Protein backbone atom coordinates (compact mmCIF):
# COMPACT_ATOMS: atom_id res chain seq x y z
CA VAL A 1 -19.83 85.24 -35.96
CA THR A 2 -17.43 85.13 -39.12
CA ARG A 3 -19.33 86.33 -42.28
CA ARG A 4 -18.53 83.93 -44.78
CA ASN A 5 -17.53 85.42 -48.24
CA GLY A 6 -19.03 82.63 -50.42
CA ILE A 7 -18.13 78.77 -50.84
CA VAL A 8 -15.42 77.11 -52.54
CA CYS A 9 -15.44 73.51 -53.93
CA LEU A 10 -11.96 72.27 -54.69
CA THR A 11 -12.29 69.45 -57.39
CA PHE A 12 -9.68 67.26 -58.77
CA ASP A 13 -9.89 65.36 -62.30
CA ASP A 14 -8.22 62.77 -63.80
CA GLY A 15 -6.52 60.75 -60.91
CA PRO A 16 -5.68 59.13 -58.81
CA SER A 17 -2.07 59.17 -59.33
CA LEU A 18 0.85 57.68 -57.33
CA ASP A 19 2.61 60.80 -57.16
CA CYS A 20 0.38 63.62 -56.70
CA THR A 21 -3.01 62.44 -55.23
CA PRO A 22 -1.09 61.43 -52.22
CA GLN A 23 0.72 64.67 -51.31
CA ILE A 24 -3.04 66.57 -52.16
CA LEU A 25 -4.48 64.31 -49.51
CA ASP A 26 -1.78 65.21 -46.97
CA ILE A 27 -2.30 68.94 -47.58
CA LEU A 28 -6.06 68.40 -47.17
CA GLU A 29 -5.73 66.43 -44.05
CA ARG A 30 -3.29 69.17 -42.68
CA ASN A 31 -5.80 71.86 -43.27
CA GLY A 32 -9.01 69.84 -41.75
CA ILE A 33 -10.74 70.30 -45.08
CA ASN A 34 -11.92 67.87 -47.96
CA ALA A 35 -12.08 67.93 -51.70
CA THR A 36 -13.72 66.06 -54.77
CA PHE A 37 -12.09 63.56 -56.82
CA PHE A 38 -13.31 63.09 -60.20
CA VAL A 39 -11.40 59.32 -60.77
CA VAL A 40 -10.95 57.74 -64.10
CA GLY A 41 -10.02 54.15 -64.31
CA PHE A 42 -7.28 52.75 -61.99
CA GLY A 43 -5.42 49.42 -60.95
CA GLU A 44 -4.71 47.48 -57.70
CA LYS A 45 -1.48 49.92 -57.14
CA LYS A 46 -4.00 52.78 -56.37
CA TYR A 47 -6.61 50.79 -54.30
CA ASP A 48 -5.15 52.29 -51.30
CA ILE A 49 -5.28 55.64 -52.44
CA VAL A 50 -8.84 55.61 -53.43
CA ASN A 51 -9.64 54.23 -49.82
CA GLN A 52 -7.55 56.75 -48.22
CA ILE A 53 -9.64 59.53 -50.31
CA VAL A 54 -13.02 58.47 -48.78
CA SER A 55 -11.55 57.49 -45.49
CA ALA A 56 -10.39 60.92 -45.00
CA GLY A 57 -13.87 62.33 -45.74
CA ASN A 58 -13.19 63.49 -49.23
CA VAL A 59 -15.91 62.84 -52.21
CA ILE A 60 -15.36 60.59 -55.21
CA GLY A 61 -17.12 61.54 -58.44
CA TYR A 62 -16.90 59.72 -61.70
CA HIS A 63 -14.88 61.00 -64.70
CA GLY A 64 -15.28 58.04 -66.54
CA TYR A 65 -13.05 54.98 -67.07
CA SER A 66 -11.58 56.03 -70.00
CA HIS A 67 -10.63 59.60 -71.21
CA GLU A 68 -10.01 58.90 -74.63
CA TYR A 69 -12.56 61.01 -76.29
CA GLY A 70 -12.80 58.59 -79.55
CA LYS A 71 -13.69 55.92 -77.06
CA VAL A 72 -16.18 57.75 -74.76
CA TYR A 73 -17.98 59.76 -77.24
CA ARG A 74 -18.80 57.18 -79.88
CA SER A 75 -22.27 56.81 -78.50
CA ILE A 76 -24.61 57.59 -75.86
CA ASP A 77 -24.21 54.15 -74.82
CA THR A 78 -20.74 54.19 -74.55
CA LEU A 79 -20.52 57.53 -72.81
CA MET A 80 -22.82 55.78 -70.18
CA GLU A 81 -20.87 52.56 -70.04
CA ASN A 82 -17.96 54.47 -69.08
CA PHE A 83 -19.66 56.21 -66.10
CA TYR A 84 -20.99 52.67 -65.12
CA LYS A 85 -17.89 51.28 -65.56
CA ILE A 86 -16.09 53.46 -63.14
CA GLU A 87 -18.64 53.70 -60.58
CA SER A 88 -18.60 49.96 -60.53
CA LEU A 89 -15.07 49.87 -59.67
CA VAL A 90 -15.20 52.60 -57.07
CA MET A 91 -18.10 50.86 -55.47
CA ASP A 92 -15.87 47.51 -55.28
CA VAL A 93 -12.94 48.91 -54.10
CA THR A 94 -14.29 51.15 -51.58
CA GLY A 95 -17.22 49.22 -50.33
CA LEU A 96 -19.40 52.48 -50.51
CA ASP A 97 -23.04 53.38 -52.45
CA SER A 98 -22.53 55.64 -55.27
CA THR A 99 -22.17 59.22 -55.04
CA LYS A 100 -24.25 59.80 -58.54
CA ILE A 101 -22.00 62.56 -58.89
CA VAL A 102 -20.19 62.82 -62.75
CA ARG A 103 -17.97 65.23 -64.66
CA PHE A 104 -17.87 64.81 -68.49
CA PRO A 105 -14.34 64.42 -69.94
CA GLY A 106 -14.01 67.79 -71.47
CA GLY A 107 -16.98 69.06 -69.67
CA SER A 108 -20.72 69.55 -71.13
CA SER A 109 -19.57 72.32 -73.13
CA ASN A 110 -16.85 70.27 -75.01
CA THR A 111 -16.71 70.31 -78.80
CA VAL A 112 -14.52 67.57 -79.45
CA SER A 113 -17.04 65.13 -79.19
CA LYS A 114 -19.08 66.60 -82.54
CA LYS A 115 -16.06 64.44 -84.41
CA TYR A 116 -17.33 61.18 -83.00
CA CYS A 117 -21.31 61.85 -82.66
CA LYS A 118 -23.18 64.85 -83.36
CA GLY A 119 -25.66 66.05 -80.74
CA ILE A 120 -24.31 63.48 -78.10
CA MET A 121 -23.83 66.24 -75.23
CA THR A 122 -27.36 67.55 -75.87
CA GLU A 123 -28.60 63.95 -75.31
CA ALA A 124 -25.73 62.95 -72.49
CA VAL A 125 -27.12 65.90 -70.14
CA THR A 126 -30.58 64.72 -70.06
CA ARG A 127 -29.79 60.96 -69.90
CA VAL A 128 -27.79 61.10 -66.85
CA THR A 129 -30.08 63.55 -64.94
CA GLU A 130 -32.68 60.80 -65.82
CA GLU A 131 -30.66 58.10 -64.28
CA GLY A 132 -30.47 60.15 -61.00
CA TYR A 133 -26.90 61.30 -61.79
CA VAL A 134 -25.80 64.99 -61.05
CA TYR A 135 -23.43 66.21 -63.52
CA PHE A 136 -20.83 69.32 -62.58
CA ASP A 137 -18.65 71.57 -64.72
CA TRP A 138 -16.94 74.44 -63.35
CA ASN A 139 -16.75 78.15 -63.29
CA VAL A 140 -12.91 78.66 -61.97
CA ASP A 141 -10.53 77.23 -63.93
CA SER A 142 -6.79 76.65 -62.81
CA GLN A 143 -6.01 76.01 -66.52
CA ASP A 144 -3.04 73.21 -64.87
CA ALA A 145 -4.40 70.87 -67.66
CA GLY A 146 -3.81 74.21 -70.14
CA GLY A 147 -2.07 77.36 -70.27
CA ALA A 148 -0.88 77.27 -66.62
CA LYS A 149 3.19 76.60 -66.71
CA ASN A 150 4.00 76.79 -63.00
CA SER A 151 2.34 76.81 -59.75
CA GLU A 152 2.31 80.87 -59.53
CA GLU A 153 0.08 80.58 -62.37
CA VAL A 154 -2.01 77.97 -61.16
CA TYR A 155 -2.55 79.98 -57.81
CA GLN A 156 -3.12 83.19 -59.99
CA ASN A 157 -5.68 81.41 -62.27
CA VAL A 158 -7.63 80.10 -58.94
CA ILE A 159 -7.79 83.28 -56.85
CA SER A 160 -8.73 85.72 -60.14
CA GLY A 161 -11.49 83.46 -60.81
CA LEU A 162 -13.19 83.35 -57.26
CA ARG A 163 -16.53 85.50 -56.92
CA PRO A 164 -18.01 86.21 -53.47
CA GLY A 165 -21.50 85.28 -52.87
CA ARG A 166 -21.61 82.13 -54.85
CA THR A 167 -20.60 78.70 -55.07
CA ASN A 168 -17.04 78.71 -56.83
CA ILE A 169 -16.39 75.18 -58.37
CA VAL A 170 -12.59 75.11 -58.96
CA LEU A 171 -11.22 72.74 -61.63
CA MET A 172 -7.56 71.38 -61.12
CA HIS A 173 -6.20 67.86 -61.98
CA ASP A 174 -4.45 65.38 -59.70
CA SER A 175 -3.08 63.74 -62.63
CA GLY A 176 0.48 62.04 -62.62
CA GLY A 177 3.34 64.66 -62.80
CA ASN A 178 0.89 67.69 -62.26
CA GLN A 179 3.31 69.07 -59.22
CA LYS A 180 2.57 72.67 -60.02
CA THR A 181 -1.21 71.98 -58.61
CA VAL A 182 0.40 70.24 -55.68
CA ASP A 183 2.54 73.22 -54.97
CA ALA A 184 0.11 75.82 -55.43
CA LEU A 185 -2.49 73.76 -53.20
CA GLN A 186 -1.48 75.18 -49.77
CA ARG A 187 -1.34 78.94 -51.17
CA ILE A 188 -4.88 78.79 -52.73
CA ILE A 189 -6.19 76.98 -49.14
CA ASP A 190 -4.77 79.96 -47.47
CA TYR A 191 -6.06 82.77 -49.65
CA CYS A 192 -9.79 81.06 -49.06
CA ILE A 193 -9.42 81.02 -45.65
CA ARG A 194 -8.01 84.42 -45.40
CA ASN A 195 -10.83 86.05 -47.35
CA ASN A 196 -13.52 83.61 -45.54
CA TYR A 197 -14.62 81.44 -48.18
CA GLU A 198 -16.09 78.25 -46.88
CA ILE A 199 -14.53 75.15 -48.33
CA ARG A 200 -16.90 72.52 -49.22
CA VAL A 201 -17.09 69.05 -50.95
CA LEU A 202 -19.70 68.30 -53.89
CA ASN A 203 -22.70 66.28 -53.18
CA GLU A 204 -25.92 65.62 -54.87
CA ASN A 205 -27.66 68.54 -53.27
CA THR A 206 -24.59 71.18 -54.15
CA LYS A 207 -26.43 73.61 -56.97
CA PRO A 208 -24.25 72.43 -59.97
CA VAL A 209 -22.57 74.73 -62.25
CA HIS A 210 -23.48 73.92 -65.80
CA HIS A 211 -21.84 74.83 -68.96
CA ASN A 212 -23.72 75.71 -72.14
CA VAL A 213 -24.17 72.49 -74.28
CA ALA A 214 -22.31 73.05 -77.57
CA ASN A 215 -22.81 69.86 -79.29
């Protein structure tokens, strides 16, 4: 019996994209594992990719139809409508029931929302929960949308952030042009397997990671 060192949940924000998402799906399939994709609004050209995500056993969560902070965080109603709109689109395209999993643009600890609506995040974390959603932040940041300049830095950021004995929720992005994450992914998976981490998808029963709300 192999003793598991902990759990790793690979999550990808801001997709789907026509270039990176198919490559990520291929890597996941070759390794026999699945991930969670927090998607934003997409057009018909990406319908097939979204269906490939779910048909392969991956999970789709909702990042919001738009990721433009000025639109999303004008009010609690615009924030919720942003989730409703992407939820409806995913359900229409896939024919599946809602997963009820969300991730706030910028995470629940973002402070940029203060520019548009003071206190909105404090209200939002309560509102989504009351409406039956589960929101997820992360406790391992690949920095692939921040300071990481190449695949080696993405890889090092992930493996240095993993901790045994817990559920590690890894933030990555499958947005267009983010090839460095694609190039790091197999090495990240290899590290997890080598160190006896179990790779899982998120679902409504996963113990969520929540940041400290700062607005």
